[in-house]
mmCIF file of all heavy atoms, coordinates in Angstrom:
data_MODEL
# 
_entry.id   MODEL 
# 
loop_
_atom_site.group_PDB 
_atom_site.id 
_atom_site.type_symbol 
_atom_site.label_atom_id 
_atom_site.label_alt_id 
_atom_site.label_comp_id 
_atom_site.label_asym_id 
_atom_site.label_entity_id 
_atom_site.label_seq_id 
_atom_site.pdbx_PDB_ins_code 
_atom_site.Cartn_x 
_atom_site.Cartn_y 
_atom_site.Cartn_z 
_atom_site.occupancy 
_atom_site.B_iso_or_equiv 
_atom_site.pdbx_formal_charge 
_atom_site.auth_seq_id 
_atom_site.auth_comp_id 
_atom_site.auth_asym_id 
_atom_site.auth_atom_id 
_atom_site.pdbx_PDB_model_num 
ATOM 1   N N   . GLY A 1 1  ? -8.452  -4.429 -0.202  1.00 0.00 ? 1  GLY A N   1 
ATOM 2   C CA  . GLY A 1 1  ? -7.540  -5.567 -0.106  1.00 0.00 ? 1  GLY A CA  1 
ATOM 3   C C   . GLY A 1 1  ? -6.101  -5.088 -0.048  1.00 0.00 ? 1  GLY A C   1 
ATOM 4   O O   . GLY A 1 1  ? -5.647  -4.170 -0.770  1.00 0.00 ? 1  GLY A O   1 
ATOM 5   N N   . VAL A 1 2  ? -5.300  -5.814 0.667   1.00 0.00 ? 2  VAL A N   1 
ATOM 6   C CA  . VAL A 1 2  ? -3.850  -5.370 0.951   1.00 0.00 ? 2  VAL A CA  1 
ATOM 7   C C   . VAL A 1 2  ? -3.117  -5.273 -0.427  1.00 0.00 ? 2  VAL A C   1 
ATOM 8   O O   . VAL A 1 2  ? -2.282  -4.430 -0.573  1.00 0.00 ? 2  VAL A O   1 
ATOM 9   C CB  . VAL A 1 2  ? -3.195  -6.395 1.900   1.00 0.00 ? 2  VAL A CB  1 
ATOM 10  C CG1 . VAL A 1 2  ? -3.031  -7.722 1.344   1.00 0.00 ? 2  VAL A CG1 1 
ATOM 11  C CG2 . VAL A 1 2  ? -1.809  -5.794 2.434   1.00 0.00 ? 2  VAL A CG2 1 
ATOM 12  N N   . PHE A 1 3  ? -3.434  -6.082 -1.311  1.00 0.00 ? 3  PHE A N   1 
ATOM 13  C CA  . PHE A 1 3  ? -2.677  -6.091 -2.662  1.00 0.00 ? 3  PHE A CA  1 
ATOM 14  C C   . PHE A 1 3  ? -2.956  -4.831 -3.479  1.00 0.00 ? 3  PHE A C   1 
ATOM 15  O O   . PHE A 1 3  ? -2.088  -4.387 -4.342  1.00 0.00 ? 3  PHE A O   1 
ATOM 16  C CB  . PHE A 1 3  ? -3.189  -7.322 -3.526  1.00 0.00 ? 3  PHE A CB  1 
ATOM 17  C CG  . PHE A 1 3  ? -4.482  -7.347 -3.931  1.00 0.00 ? 3  PHE A CG  1 
ATOM 18  C CD1 . PHE A 1 3  ? -4.989  -6.726 -5.057  1.00 0.00 ? 3  PHE A CD1 1 
ATOM 19  C CD2 . PHE A 1 3  ? -5.554  -7.797 -3.084  1.00 0.00 ? 3  PHE A CD2 1 
ATOM 20  C CE1 . PHE A 1 3  ? -6.255  -6.559 -5.444  1.00 0.00 ? 3  PHE A CE1 1 
ATOM 21  C CE2 . PHE A 1 3  ? -6.863  -7.791 -3.477  1.00 0.00 ? 3  PHE A CE2 1 
ATOM 22  C CZ  . PHE A 1 3  ? -7.275  -7.202 -4.638  1.00 0.00 ? 3  PHE A CZ  1 
ATOM 23  N N   . THR A 1 4  ? -4.067  -4.084 -3.229  1.00 0.00 ? 4  THR A N   1 
ATOM 24  C CA  . THR A 1 4  ? -4.302  -2.891 -3.865  1.00 0.00 ? 4  THR A CA  1 
ATOM 25  C C   . THR A 1 4  ? -3.114  -1.836 -3.679  1.00 0.00 ? 4  THR A C   1 
ATOM 26  O O   . THR A 1 4  ? -3.030  -0.951 -4.483  1.00 0.00 ? 4  THR A O   1 
ATOM 27  C CB  . THR A 1 4  ? -5.645  -2.279 -3.484  1.00 0.00 ? 4  THR A CB  1 
ATOM 28  O OG1 . THR A 1 4  ? -5.690  -1.878 -2.091  1.00 0.00 ? 4  THR A OG1 1 
ATOM 29  C CG2 . THR A 1 4  ? -6.870  -3.158 -3.823  1.00 0.00 ? 4  THR A CG2 1 
ATOM 30  N N   . ALA A 1 5  ? -2.438  -1.969 -2.663  1.00 0.00 ? 5  ALA A N   1 
ATOM 31  C CA  . ALA A 1 5  ? -1.314  -1.010 -2.406  1.00 0.00 ? 5  ALA A CA  1 
ATOM 32  C C   . ALA A 1 5  ? -0.275  -1.165 -3.530  1.00 0.00 ? 5  ALA A C   1 
ATOM 33  O O   . ALA A 1 5  ? 0.269   -0.174 -3.937  1.00 0.00 ? 5  ALA A O   1 
ATOM 34  C CB  . ALA A 1 5  ? -0.639  -1.141 -0.970  1.00 0.00 ? 5  ALA A CB  1 
ATOM 35  N N   . ALA A 1 6  ? -0.053  -2.440 -3.857  1.00 0.00 ? 6  ALA A N   1 
ATOM 36  C CA  . ALA A 1 6  ? 0.956   -2.626 -4.983  1.00 0.00 ? 6  ALA A CA  1 
ATOM 37  C C   . ALA A 1 6  ? 0.391   -2.175 -6.345  1.00 0.00 ? 6  ALA A C   1 
ATOM 38  O O   . ALA A 1 6  ? 1.128   -1.434 -7.046  1.00 0.00 ? 6  ALA A O   1 
ATOM 39  C CB  . ALA A 1 6  ? 1.211   -4.142 -5.119  1.00 0.00 ? 6  ALA A CB  1 
ATOM 40  N N   . GLU A 1 7  ? -0.858  -2.278 -6.466  1.00 0.00 ? 7  GLU A N   1 
ATOM 41  C CA  . GLU A 1 7  ? -1.471  -1.765 -7.679  1.00 0.00 ? 7  GLU A CA  1 
ATOM 42  C C   . GLU A 1 7  ? -1.444  -0.166 -7.660  1.00 0.00 ? 7  GLU A C   1 
ATOM 43  O O   . GLU A 1 7  ? -1.040  0.395  -8.779  1.00 0.00 ? 7  GLU A O   1 
ATOM 44  C CB  . GLU A 1 7  ? -2.914  -2.146 -7.878  1.00 0.00 ? 7  GLU A CB  1 
ATOM 45  C CG  . GLU A 1 7  ? -3.115  -3.625 -8.152  1.00 0.00 ? 7  GLU A CG  1 
ATOM 46  C CD  . GLU A 1 7  ? -4.497  -4.084 -8.030  1.00 0.00 ? 7  GLU A CD  1 
ATOM 47  O OE1 . GLU A 1 7  ? -5.537  -3.452 -7.374  1.00 0.00 ? 7  GLU A OE1 1 
ATOM 48  O OE2 . GLU A 1 7  ? -4.726  -5.169 -8.638  1.00 0.00 ? 7  GLU A OE2 1 
ATOM 49  N N   . ARG A 1 8  ? -1.751  0.407  -6.659  1.00 0.00 ? 8  ARG A N   1 
ATOM 50  C CA  . ARG A 1 8  ? -1.644  1.869  -6.501  1.00 0.00 ? 8  ARG A CA  1 
ATOM 51  C C   . ARG A 1 8  ? -0.222  2.459  -6.675  1.00 0.00 ? 8  ARG A C   1 
ATOM 52  O O   . ARG A 1 8  ? -0.114  3.330  -7.338  1.00 0.00 ? 8  ARG A O   1 
ATOM 53  C CB  . ARG A 1 8  ? -2.227  2.387  -5.063  1.00 0.00 ? 8  ARG A CB  1 
ATOM 54  C CG  . ARG A 1 8  ? -3.689  2.168  -5.006  1.00 0.00 ? 8  ARG A CG  1 
ATOM 55  C CD  . ARG A 1 8  ? -4.215  2.577  -3.660  1.00 0.00 ? 8  ARG A CD  1 
ATOM 56  N NE  . ARG A 1 8  ? -5.643  2.477  -3.543  1.00 0.00 ? 8  ARG A NE  1 
ATOM 57  C CZ  . ARG A 1 8  ? -6.294  1.436  -2.835  1.00 0.00 ? 8  ARG A CZ  1 
ATOM 58  N NH1 . ARG A 1 8  ? -5.514  0.643  -2.073  1.00 0.00 ? 8  ARG A NH1 1 
ATOM 59  N NH2 . ARG A 1 8  ? -7.559  1.432  -2.877  1.00 0.00 ? 8  ARG A NH2 1 
ATOM 60  N N   . ALA A 1 9  ? 0.713   1.664  -6.108  1.00 0.00 ? 9  ALA A N   1 
ATOM 61  C CA  . ALA A 1 9  ? 2.109   2.073  -6.164  1.00 0.00 ? 9  ALA A CA  1 
ATOM 62  C C   . ALA A 1 9  ? 2.614   2.129  -7.727  1.00 0.00 ? 9  ALA A C   1 
ATOM 63  O O   . ALA A 1 9  ? 3.176   3.089  -8.146  1.00 0.00 ? 9  ALA A O   1 
ATOM 64  C CB  . ALA A 1 9  ? 3.008   1.177  -5.442  1.00 0.00 ? 9  ALA A CB  1 
ATOM 65  N N   . HIS A 1 10 ? 2.179   1.062  -8.400  1.00 0.00 ? 10 HIS A N   1 
ATOM 66  C CA  . HIS A 1 10 ? 2.587   0.835  -9.833  1.00 0.00 ? 10 HIS A CA  1 
ATOM 67  C C   . HIS A 1 10 ? 1.900   2.049  -10.525 1.00 0.00 ? 10 HIS A C   1 
ATOM 68  O O   . HIS A 1 10 ? 2.605   2.675  -11.459 1.00 0.00 ? 10 HIS A O   1 
ATOM 69  C CB  . HIS A 1 10 ? 2.094   -0.422 -10.401 1.00 0.00 ? 10 HIS A CB  1 
ATOM 70  C CG  . HIS A 1 10 ? 2.440   -0.671 -11.779 1.00 0.00 ? 10 HIS A CG  1 
ATOM 71  N ND1 . HIS A 1 10 ? 3.716   -0.790 -12.366 1.00 0.00 ? 10 HIS A ND1 1 
ATOM 72  C CD2 . HIS A 1 10 ? 1.523   -0.778 -12.838 1.00 0.00 ? 10 HIS A CD2 1 
ATOM 73  C CE1 . HIS A 1 10 ? 3.638   -0.956 -13.534 1.00 0.00 ? 10 HIS A CE1 1 
ATOM 74  N NE2 . HIS A 1 10 ? 2.249   -0.944 -13.966 1.00 0.00 ? 10 HIS A NE2 1 
ATOM 75  N N   . GLU A 1 11 ? 0.542   2.293  -10.410 1.00 0.00 ? 11 GLU A N   1 
ATOM 76  C CA  . GLU A 1 11 ? -0.057  3.326  -11.143 1.00 0.00 ? 11 GLU A CA  1 
ATOM 77  C C   . GLU A 1 11 ? 0.513   4.678  -10.864 1.00 0.00 ? 11 GLU A C   1 
ATOM 78  O O   . GLU A 1 11 ? 0.498   5.584  -11.701 1.00 0.00 ? 11 GLU A O   1 
ATOM 79  C CB  . GLU A 1 11 ? -1.525  3.392  -10.675 1.00 0.00 ? 11 GLU A CB  1 
ATOM 80  C CG  . GLU A 1 11 ? -2.348  2.139  -11.165 1.00 0.00 ? 11 GLU A CG  1 
ATOM 81  C CD  . GLU A 1 11 ? -3.782  2.024  -10.528 1.00 0.00 ? 11 GLU A CD  1 
ATOM 82  O OE1 . GLU A 1 11 ? -4.058  2.913  -9.701  1.00 0.00 ? 11 GLU A OE1 1 
ATOM 83  O OE2 . GLU A 1 11 ? -4.416  1.081  -10.832 1.00 0.00 ? 11 GLU A OE2 1 
ATOM 84  N N   . LEU A 1 12 ? 1.095   4.873  -9.710  1.00 0.00 ? 12 LEU A N   1 
ATOM 85  C CA  . LEU A 1 12 ? 1.780   6.142  -9.320  1.00 0.00 ? 12 LEU A CA  1 
ATOM 86  C C   . LEU A 1 12 ? 3.270   6.325  -9.790  1.00 0.00 ? 12 LEU A C   1 
ATOM 87  O O   . LEU A 1 12 ? 3.799   7.262  -9.575  1.00 0.00 ? 12 LEU A O   1 
ATOM 88  C CB  . LEU A 1 12 ? 1.662   6.407  -7.771  1.00 0.00 ? 12 LEU A CB  1 
ATOM 89  C CG  . LEU A 1 12 ? 0.197   6.659  -7.340  1.00 0.00 ? 12 LEU A CG  1 
ATOM 90  C CD1 . LEU A 1 12 ? 0.227   6.690  -5.749  1.00 0.00 ? 12 LEU A CD1 1 
ATOM 91  C CD2 . LEU A 1 12 ? -0.307  7.996  -7.873  1.00 0.00 ? 12 LEU A CD2 1 
ATOM 92  N N   . GLY A 1 13 ? 3.783   5.102  -10.285 1.00 0.00 ? 13 GLY A N   1 
ATOM 93  C CA  . GLY A 1 13 ? 5.120   5.100  -10.680 1.00 0.00 ? 13 GLY A CA  1 
ATOM 94  C C   . GLY A 1 13 ? 6.186   4.902  -9.582  1.00 0.00 ? 13 GLY A C   1 
ATOM 95  O O   . GLY A 1 13 ? 7.328   5.147  -9.688  1.00 0.00 ? 13 GLY A O   1 
ATOM 96  N N   . ALA A 1 14 ? 5.614   4.494  -8.405  1.00 0.00 ? 14 ALA A N   1 
ATOM 97  C CA  . ALA A 1 14 ? 6.544   4.170  -7.229  1.00 0.00 ? 14 ALA A CA  1 
ATOM 98  C C   . ALA A 1 14 ? 7.115   2.777  -7.431  1.00 0.00 ? 14 ALA A C   1 
ATOM 99  O O   . ALA A 1 14 ? 6.474   1.892  -7.892  1.00 0.00 ? 14 ALA A O   1 
ATOM 100 C CB  . ALA A 1 14 ? 5.777   4.238  -6.011  1.00 0.00 ? 14 ALA A CB  1 
ATOM 101 N N   . ASN A 1 15 ? 8.381   2.638  -6.910  1.00 0.00 ? 15 ASN A N   1 
ATOM 102 C CA  . ASN A 1 15 ? 8.939   1.319  -6.994  1.00 0.00 ? 15 ASN A CA  1 
ATOM 103 C C   . ASN A 1 15 ? 8.961   0.739  -5.457  1.00 0.00 ? 15 ASN A C   1 
ATOM 104 O O   . ASN A 1 15 ? 9.755   -0.193 -5.221  1.00 0.00 ? 15 ASN A O   1 
ATOM 105 C CB  . ASN A 1 15 ? 10.191  1.322  -7.684  1.00 0.00 ? 15 ASN A CB  1 
ATOM 106 C CG  . ASN A 1 15 ? 11.142  2.258  -7.148  1.00 0.00 ? 15 ASN A CG  1 
ATOM 107 O OD1 . ASN A 1 15 ? 11.070  2.870  -6.193  1.00 0.00 ? 15 ASN A OD1 1 
ATOM 108 N ND2 . ASN A 1 15 ? 12.252  2.473  -8.064  1.00 0.00 ? 15 ASN A ND2 1 
ATOM 109 N N   . THR A 1 16 ? 8.484   1.389  -4.509  1.00 0.00 ? 16 THR A N   1 
ATOM 110 C CA  . THR A 1 16 ? 8.564   0.867  -3.134  1.00 0.00 ? 16 THR A CA  1 
ATOM 111 C C   . THR A 1 16 ? 7.310   1.652  -2.388  1.00 0.00 ? 16 THR A C   1 
ATOM 112 O O   . THR A 1 16 ? 6.741   2.679  -2.933  1.00 0.00 ? 16 THR A O   1 
ATOM 113 C CB  . THR A 1 16 ? 9.786   1.289  -2.310  1.00 0.00 ? 16 THR A CB  1 
ATOM 114 O OG1 . THR A 1 16 ? 9.747   0.678  -1.061  1.00 0.00 ? 16 THR A OG1 1 
ATOM 115 C CG2 . THR A 1 16 ? 9.963   2.744  -2.242  1.00 0.00 ? 16 THR A CG2 1 
ATOM 116 N N   . PHE A 1 17 ? 6.813   1.066  -1.266  1.00 0.00 ? 17 PHE A N   1 
ATOM 117 C CA  . PHE A 1 17 ? 5.790   1.718  -0.556  1.00 0.00 ? 17 PHE A CA  1 
ATOM 118 C C   . PHE A 1 17 ? 5.612   1.240  0.795   1.00 0.00 ? 17 PHE A C   1 
ATOM 119 O O   . PHE A 1 17 ? 6.344   0.167  1.193   1.00 0.00 ? 17 PHE A O   1 
ATOM 120 C CB  . PHE A 1 17 ? 4.323   1.518  -1.170  1.00 0.00 ? 17 PHE A CB  1 
ATOM 121 C CG  . PHE A 1 17 ? 4.012   0.100  -1.348  1.00 0.00 ? 17 PHE A CG  1 
ATOM 122 C CD1 . PHE A 1 17 ? 3.296   -0.640 -0.175  1.00 0.00 ? 17 PHE A CD1 1 
ATOM 123 C CD2 . PHE A 1 17 ? 4.269   -0.692 -2.455  1.00 0.00 ? 17 PHE A CD2 1 
ATOM 124 C CE1 . PHE A 1 17 ? 3.034   -2.014 -0.352  1.00 0.00 ? 17 PHE A CE1 1 
ATOM 125 C CE2 . PHE A 1 17 ? 3.839   -2.032 -2.575  1.00 0.00 ? 17 PHE A CE2 1 
ATOM 126 C CZ  . PHE A 1 17 ? 3.268   -2.627 -1.535  1.00 0.00 ? 17 PHE A CZ  1 
ATOM 127 N N   . GLN A 1 18 ? 4.911   1.837  1.703   1.00 0.00 ? 18 GLN A N   1 
ATOM 128 C CA  . GLN A 1 18 ? 4.691   1.503  3.056   1.00 0.00 ? 18 GLN A CA  1 
ATOM 129 C C   . GLN A 1 18 ? 3.251   1.530  3.252   1.00 0.00 ? 18 GLN A C   1 
ATOM 130 O O   . GLN A 1 18 ? 2.442   2.239  2.705   1.00 0.00 ? 18 GLN A O   1 
ATOM 131 C CB  . GLN A 1 18 ? 5.348   2.595  3.958   1.00 0.00 ? 18 GLN A CB  1 
ATOM 132 C CG  . GLN A 1 18 ? 5.161   2.214  5.576   1.00 0.00 ? 18 GLN A CG  1 
ATOM 133 C CD  . GLN A 1 18 ? 5.892   3.117  6.351   1.00 0.00 ? 18 GLN A CD  1 
ATOM 134 O OE1 . GLN A 1 18 ? 7.082   2.950  6.653   1.00 0.00 ? 18 GLN A OE1 1 
ATOM 135 N NE2 . GLN A 1 18 ? 5.257   4.180  6.847   1.00 0.00 ? 18 GLN A NE2 1 
ATOM 136 N N   . ILE A 1 19 ? 2.826   0.391  4.042   1.00 0.00 ? 19 ILE A N   1 
ATOM 137 C CA  . ILE A 1 19 ? 1.340   0.318  4.478   1.00 0.00 ? 19 ILE A CA  1 
ATOM 138 C C   . ILE A 1 19 ? 1.145   0.024  5.892   1.00 0.00 ? 19 ILE A C   1 
ATOM 139 O O   . ILE A 1 19 ? 2.180   -0.254 6.634   1.00 0.00 ? 19 ILE A O   1 
ATOM 140 C CB  . ILE A 1 19 ? 0.703   -0.711 3.703   1.00 0.00 ? 19 ILE A CB  1 
ATOM 141 C CG1 . ILE A 1 19 ? 1.329   -2.019 3.996   1.00 0.00 ? 19 ILE A CG1 1 
ATOM 142 C CG2 . ILE A 1 19 ? 0.646   -0.512 2.233   1.00 0.00 ? 19 ILE A CG2 1 
ATOM 143 C CD1 . ILE A 1 19 ? 0.645   -3.321 3.420   1.00 0.00 ? 19 ILE A CD1 1 
ATOM 144 N N   . PHE A 1 20 ? 0.077   0.195  6.307   1.00 0.00 ? 20 PHE A N   1 
ATOM 145 C CA  . PHE A 1 20 ? -0.410  -0.395 7.745   1.00 0.00 ? 20 PHE A CA  1 
ATOM 146 C C   . PHE A 1 20 ? -1.082  -1.658 7.305   1.00 0.00 ? 20 PHE A C   1 
ATOM 147 O O   . PHE A 1 20 ? -1.945  -1.649 6.368   1.00 0.00 ? 20 PHE A O   1 
ATOM 148 C CB  . PHE A 1 20 ? -1.313  0.476  8.532   1.00 0.00 ? 20 PHE A CB  1 
ATOM 149 C CG  . PHE A 1 20 ? -0.643  1.729  9.018   1.00 0.00 ? 20 PHE A CG  1 
ATOM 150 C CD1 . PHE A 1 20 ? -0.965  2.930  8.474   1.00 0.00 ? 20 PHE A CD1 1 
ATOM 151 C CD2 . PHE A 1 20 ? 0.261   1.664  10.018  1.00 0.00 ? 20 PHE A CD2 1 
ATOM 152 C CE1 . PHE A 1 20 ? -0.385  4.089  9.002   1.00 0.00 ? 20 PHE A CE1 1 
ATOM 153 C CE2 . PHE A 1 20 ? 0.775   2.811  10.678  1.00 0.00 ? 20 PHE A CE2 1 
ATOM 154 C CZ  . PHE A 1 20 ? 0.480   4.027  9.958   1.00 0.00 ? 20 PHE A CZ  1 
ATOM 155 N N   . SER A 1 21 ? -0.714  -2.877 8.009   1.00 0.00 ? 21 SER A N   1 
ATOM 156 C CA  . SER A 1 21 ? -1.403  -4.077 7.612   1.00 0.00 ? 21 SER A CA  1 
ATOM 157 C C   . SER A 1 21 ? -2.674  -4.235 8.418   1.00 0.00 ? 21 SER A C   1 
ATOM 158 O O   . SER A 1 21 ? -3.432  -5.183 8.093   1.00 0.00 ? 21 SER A O   1 
ATOM 159 C CB  . SER A 1 21 ? -0.399  -5.239 7.950   1.00 0.00 ? 21 SER A CB  1 
ATOM 160 O OG  . SER A 1 21 ? -0.224  -5.449 9.350   1.00 0.00 ? 21 SER A OG  1 
ATOM 161 N N   . SER A 1 22 ? -2.852  -3.360 9.344   1.00 0.00 ? 22 SER A N   1 
ATOM 162 C CA  . SER A 1 22 ? -4.033  -3.289 10.170  1.00 0.00 ? 22 SER A CA  1 
ATOM 163 C C   . SER A 1 22 ? -4.138  -1.956 10.715  1.00 0.00 ? 22 SER A C   1 
ATOM 164 O O   . SER A 1 22 ? -3.371  -1.013 10.468  1.00 0.00 ? 22 SER A O   1 
ATOM 165 C CB  . SER A 1 22 ? -3.890  -4.346 11.258  1.00 0.00 ? 22 SER A CB  1 
ATOM 166 O OG  . SER A 1 22 ? -5.051  -4.532 11.978  1.00 0.00 ? 22 SER A OG  1 
ATOM 167 N N   . SER A 1 23 ? -5.330  -1.628 11.398  1.00 0.00 ? 23 SER A N   1 
ATOM 168 C CA  . SER A 1 23 ? -5.494  -0.191 11.884  1.00 0.00 ? 23 SER A CA  1 
ATOM 169 C C   . SER A 1 23 ? -4.318  0.138  12.814  1.00 0.00 ? 23 SER A C   1 
ATOM 170 O O   . SER A 1 23 ? -4.084  -0.640 13.833  1.00 0.00 ? 23 SER A O   1 
ATOM 171 C CB  . SER A 1 23 ? -6.816  -0.159 12.579  1.00 0.00 ? 23 SER A CB  1 
ATOM 172 O OG  . SER A 1 23 ? -6.873  1.167  13.233  1.00 0.00 ? 23 SER A OG  1 
ATOM 173 N N   . PRO A 1 24 ? -3.706  1.267  12.727  1.00 0.00 ? 24 PRO A N   1 
ATOM 174 C CA  . PRO A 1 24 ? -2.562  1.647  13.670  1.00 0.00 ? 24 PRO A CA  1 
ATOM 175 C C   . PRO A 1 24 ? -3.153  2.123  14.930  1.00 0.00 ? 24 PRO A C   1 
ATOM 176 O O   . PRO A 1 24 ? -2.332  2.348  15.872  1.00 0.00 ? 24 PRO A O   1 
ATOM 177 C CB  . PRO A 1 24 ? -1.917  2.668  12.832  1.00 0.00 ? 24 PRO A CB  1 
ATOM 178 C CG  . PRO A 1 24 ? -2.945  3.366  12.071  1.00 0.00 ? 24 PRO A CG  1 
ATOM 179 C CD  . PRO A 1 24 ? -3.928  2.188  11.614  1.00 0.00 ? 24 PRO A CD  1 
ATOM 180 N N   . ARG A 1 25 ? -4.341  2.205  15.093  1.00 0.00 ? 25 ARG A N   1 
ATOM 181 C CA  . ARG A 1 25 ? -4.901  2.868  16.370  1.00 0.00 ? 25 ARG A CA  1 
ATOM 182 C C   . ARG A 1 25 ? -5.907  1.932  17.047  1.00 0.00 ? 25 ARG A C   1 
ATOM 183 O O   . ARG A 1 25 ? -6.643  2.294  17.935  1.00 0.00 ? 25 ARG A O   1 
ATOM 184 C CB  . ARG A 1 25 ? -5.512  4.066  16.173  1.00 0.00 ? 25 ARG A CB  1 
ATOM 185 C CG  . ARG A 1 25 ? -4.529  5.095  15.406  1.00 0.00 ? 25 ARG A CG  1 
ATOM 186 C CD  . ARG A 1 25 ? -5.114  6.452  15.438  1.00 0.00 ? 25 ARG A CD  1 
ATOM 187 N NE  . ARG A 1 25 ? -4.318  7.427  14.808  1.00 0.00 ? 25 ARG A NE  1 
ATOM 188 C CZ  . ARG A 1 25 ? -3.073  7.869  15.078  1.00 0.00 ? 25 ARG A CZ  1 
ATOM 189 N NH1 . ARG A 1 25 ? -2.622  7.664  16.344  1.00 0.00 ? 25 ARG A NH1 1 
ATOM 190 N NH2 . ARG A 1 25 ? -2.349  8.730  14.334  1.00 0.00 ? 25 ARG A NH2 1 
ATOM 191 N N   . MET A 1 26 ? -5.920  0.586  16.720  1.00 0.00 ? 26 MET A N   1 
ATOM 192 C CA  . MET A 1 26 ? -6.764  -0.483 17.321  1.00 0.00 ? 26 MET A CA  1 
ATOM 193 C C   . MET A 1 26 ? -5.952  -1.721 17.629  1.00 0.00 ? 26 MET A C   1 
ATOM 194 O O   . MET A 1 26 ? -4.971  -2.097 16.905  1.00 0.00 ? 26 MET A O   1 
ATOM 195 C CB  . MET A 1 26 ? -7.884  -0.812 16.432  1.00 0.00 ? 26 MET A CB  1 
ATOM 196 C CG  . MET A 1 26 ? -8.849  0.272  16.120  1.00 0.00 ? 26 MET A CG  1 
ATOM 197 S SD  . MET A 1 26 ? -10.090 -0.186 14.846  1.00 0.00 ? 26 MET A SD  1 
ATOM 198 C CE  . MET A 1 26 ? -10.785 -1.769 15.586  1.00 0.00 ? 26 MET A CE  1 
# 
């Protein structure tokens, strides 16, 4: 789920992040 990126960022101590919202090659 897209929201898991925020959870992962928090767990890693990050205060910003970048994601692909969809496959970057499709």
